[in-house]
C-alpha atoms as a PDB file:
ATOM      1  CA  UNK A   1       0.000   0.000   0.000  1.00  0.00           C
ATOM      2  CA  UNK A   2       2.209   2.859   1.252  1.00  0.00           C
ATOM      3  CA  UNK A   3       5.974   2.859   1.706  1.00  0.00           C
ATOM      4  CA  UNK A   4       7.759   3.709   4.936  1.00  0.00           C
ATOM      5  CA  UNK A   5       7.165   7.162   6.426  1.00  0.00           C
ATOM      6  CA  UNK A   6       9.838   9.773   5.789  1.00  0.00           C
ATOM      7  CA  UNK A   7      10.377  11.823   8.927  1.00  0.00           C
ATOM      8  CA  UNK A   8      12.298  15.046   8.528  1.00  0.00           C
ATOM      9  CA  UNK A   9      13.140  14.907  12.233  1.00  0.00           C
ATOM     10  CA  UNK A  10      15.137  11.744  11.506  1.00  0.00           C
ATOM     11  CA  UNK A  11      16.713  13.220   8.347  1.00  0.00           C
ATOM     12  CA  UNK A  12      18.338  16.580   9.165  1.00  0.00           C
ATOM     13  CA  UNK A  13      19.540  18.689   6.270  1.00  0.00           C
ATOM     14  CA  UNK A  14      18.465  21.260   3.698  1.00  0.00           C
ATOM     15  CA  UNK A  15      14.979  21.091   2.184  1.00  0.00           C
ATOM     16  CA  UNK A  16      12.987  23.026  -0.375  1.00  0.00           C
ATOM     17  CA  UNK A  17       9.193  23.170  -0.633  1.00  0.00           C
ATOM     18  CA  UNK A  18       7.799  24.143  -4.036  1.00  0.00           C
ATOM     19  CA  UNK A  19       4.178  25.122  -4.640  1.00  0.00           C
ATOM     20  CA  UNK A  20       2.325  24.832  -7.917  1.00  0.00           C
ATOM     21  CA  UNK A  21      -0.548  27.208  -8.580  1.00  0.00           C
ATOM     22  CA  UNK A  22      -2.623  26.750 -11.741  1.00  0.00           C
ATOM     23  CA  UNK A  23      -0.092  24.076 -12.767  1.00  0.00           C
ATOM     24  CA  UNK A  24       2.762  26.621 -12.667  1.00  0.00           C
ATOM     25  CA  UNK A  25       5.561  26.975 -10.145  1.00  0.00           C
ATOM     26  CA  UNK A  26       4.510  29.867  -7.902  1.00  0.00           C
ATOM     27  CA  UNK A  27       6.418  29.632  -4.583  1.00  0.00           C
ATOM     28  CA  UNK A  28       9.612  28.211  -3.134  1.00  0.00           C
ATOM     29  CA  UNK A  29      10.624  27.975   0.525  1.00  0.00           C
ATOM     30  CA  UNK A  30      14.062  26.747   1.577  1.00  0.00           C
ATOM     31  CA  UNK A  31      14.736  25.655   5.148  1.00  0.00           C
ATOM     32  CA  UNK A  32      17.099  23.532   7.204  1.00  0.00           C
ATOM     33  CA  UNK A  33      16.072  20.783   9.605  1.00  0.00           C
ATOM     34  CA  UNK A  34      18.521  20.570  12.498  1.00  0.00           C
ATOM     35  CA  UNK A  35      19.489  17.338  14.264  1.00  0.00           C
ATOM     36  CA  UNK A  36      16.605  16.540  16.594  1.00  0.00           C
ATOM     37  CA  UNK A  37      13.994  17.834  14.145  1.00  0.00           C
ATOM     38  CA  UNK A  38      13.932  21.579  14.849  1.00  0.00           C
ATOM     39  CA  UNK A  39      13.724  24.001  11.942  1.00  0.00           C
ATOM     40  CA  UNK A  40      13.215  27.220  13.890  1.00  0.00           C
ATOM     41  CA  UNK A  41      15.474  30.002  12.599  1.00  0.00           C
ATOM     42  CA  UNK A  42      14.864  32.239  15.651  1.00  0.00           C
ATOM     43  CA  UNK A  43      12.886  34.998  13.916  1.00  0.00           C
ATOM     44  CA  UNK A  44       9.551  34.083  15.522  1.00  0.00           C
ATOM     45  CA  UNK A  45      11.131  33.963  18.977  1.00  0.00           C
ATOM     46  CA  UNK A  46      13.068  37.235  18.588  1.00  0.00           C
ATOM     47  CA  UNK A  47       9.842  39.003  17.525  1.00  0.00           C
ATOM     48  CA  UNK A  48       7.779  37.571  20.415  1.00  0.00           C
ATOM     49  CA  UNK A  49       5.297  35.891  18.060  1.00  0.00           C
ATOM     50  CA  UNK A  50       4.492  33.146  20.559  1.00  0.00           C
ATOM     51  CA  UNK A  51       5.344  29.479  20.835  1.00  0.00           C
ATOM     52  CA  UNK A  52       5.960  27.404  17.718  1.00  0.00           C
ATOM     53  CA  UNK A  53       5.878  30.367  15.297  1.00  0.00           C
ATOM     54  CA  UNK A  54       8.369  30.071  12.468  1.00  0.00           C
ATOM     55  CA  UNK A  55       8.994  32.763   9.845  1.00  0.00           C
ATOM     56  CA  UNK A  56      10.717  32.032   6.531  1.00  0.00           C
ATOM     57  CA  UNK A  57      11.230  34.052   3.396  1.00  0.00           C
ATOM     58  CA  UNK A  58       9.203  32.766   0.449  1.00  0.00           C
ATOM     59  CA  UNK A  59      10.313  33.280  -3.128  1.00  0.00           C
ATOM     60  CA  UNK A  60       7.392  34.346  -5.326  1.00  0.00           C
ATOM     61  CA  UNK A  61       7.944  32.929  -8.804  1.00  0.00           C
ATOM     62  CA  UNK A  62       6.271  34.123 -11.978  1.00  0.00           C
ATOM     63  CA  UNK A  63       3.648  36.798 -12.519  1.00  0.00           C
ATOM     64  CA  UNK A  64       0.461  35.076 -11.339  1.00  0.00           C
ATOM     65  CA  UNK A  65       0.150  37.488  -8.397  1.00  0.00           C
ATOM     66  CA  UNK A  66       0.253  40.647 -10.477  1.00  0.00           C
ATOM     67  CA  UNK A  67       1.915  43.701  -8.962  1.00  0.00           C
ATOM     68  CA  UNK A  68       2.771  43.582  -5.263  1.00  0.00           C
ATOM     69  CA  UNK A  69       5.006  45.519  -2.870  1.00  0.00           C
ATOM     70  CA  UNK A  70       8.172  43.461  -2.393  1.00  0.00           C
ATOM     71  CA  UNK A  71       9.341  45.759   0.410  1.00  0.00           C
ATOM     72  CA  UNK A  72       6.124  45.546   2.497  1.00  0.00           C
ATOM     73  CA  UNK A  73       7.784  43.182   4.988  1.00  0.00           C
ATOM     74  CA  UNK A  74       9.882  46.109   6.235  1.00  0.00           C
ATOM     75  CA  UNK A  75       6.863  47.992   7.600  1.00  0.00           C
ATOM     76  CA  UNK A  76       3.721  45.871   7.251  1.00  0.00           C
ATOM     77  CA  UNK A  77       4.804  42.312   8.011  1.00  0.00           C
ATOM     78  CA  UNK A  78       3.346  41.981  11.502  1.00  0.00           C
ATOM     79  CA  UNK A  79       0.508  44.438  12.113  1.00  0.00           C
ATOM     80  CA  UNK A  80       2.607  47.415  10.991  1.00  0.00           C
ATOM     81  CA  UNK A  81       5.759  46.300  12.789  1.00  0.00           C
ATOM     82  CA  UNK A  82       8.904  45.205  10.939  1.00  0.00           C
ATOM     83  CA  UNK A  83      10.307  41.771  11.700  1.00  0.00           C
ATOM     84  CA  UNK A  84      13.652  41.907  13.515  1.00  0.00           C
ATOM     85  CA  UNK A  85      16.295  39.578  12.101  1.00  0.00           C
ATOM     86  CA  UNK A  86      14.387  38.871   8.893  1.00  0.00           C
ATOM     87  CA  UNK A  87      16.026  39.240   5.484  1.00  0.00           C
ATOM     88  CA  UNK A  88      13.948  38.973   2.329  1.00  0.00           C
ATOM     89  CA  UNK A  89      15.269  36.995  -0.592  1.00  0.00           C
ATOM     90  CA  UNK A  90      16.129  38.994  -3.701  1.00  0.00           C
END
């Protein structure tokens, strides 16, 4: 029926999640799973977002979203507050 489960917590390393939208590549998120299964990069904690909040930069691919403000994270990311320690991807 199904093969063995793949647990990221048992397989630390670099990962990439890709999202298709309308059968086209639309998003990419790269992250690292640390030994023990954690993938927190510290941004959620340093911004007091609460327990188990993880913030990652997402690459928007293509033009399906139309025009959008790529610098909005600097002022509007969290209810009008910039995220400390966050760097957007080019």
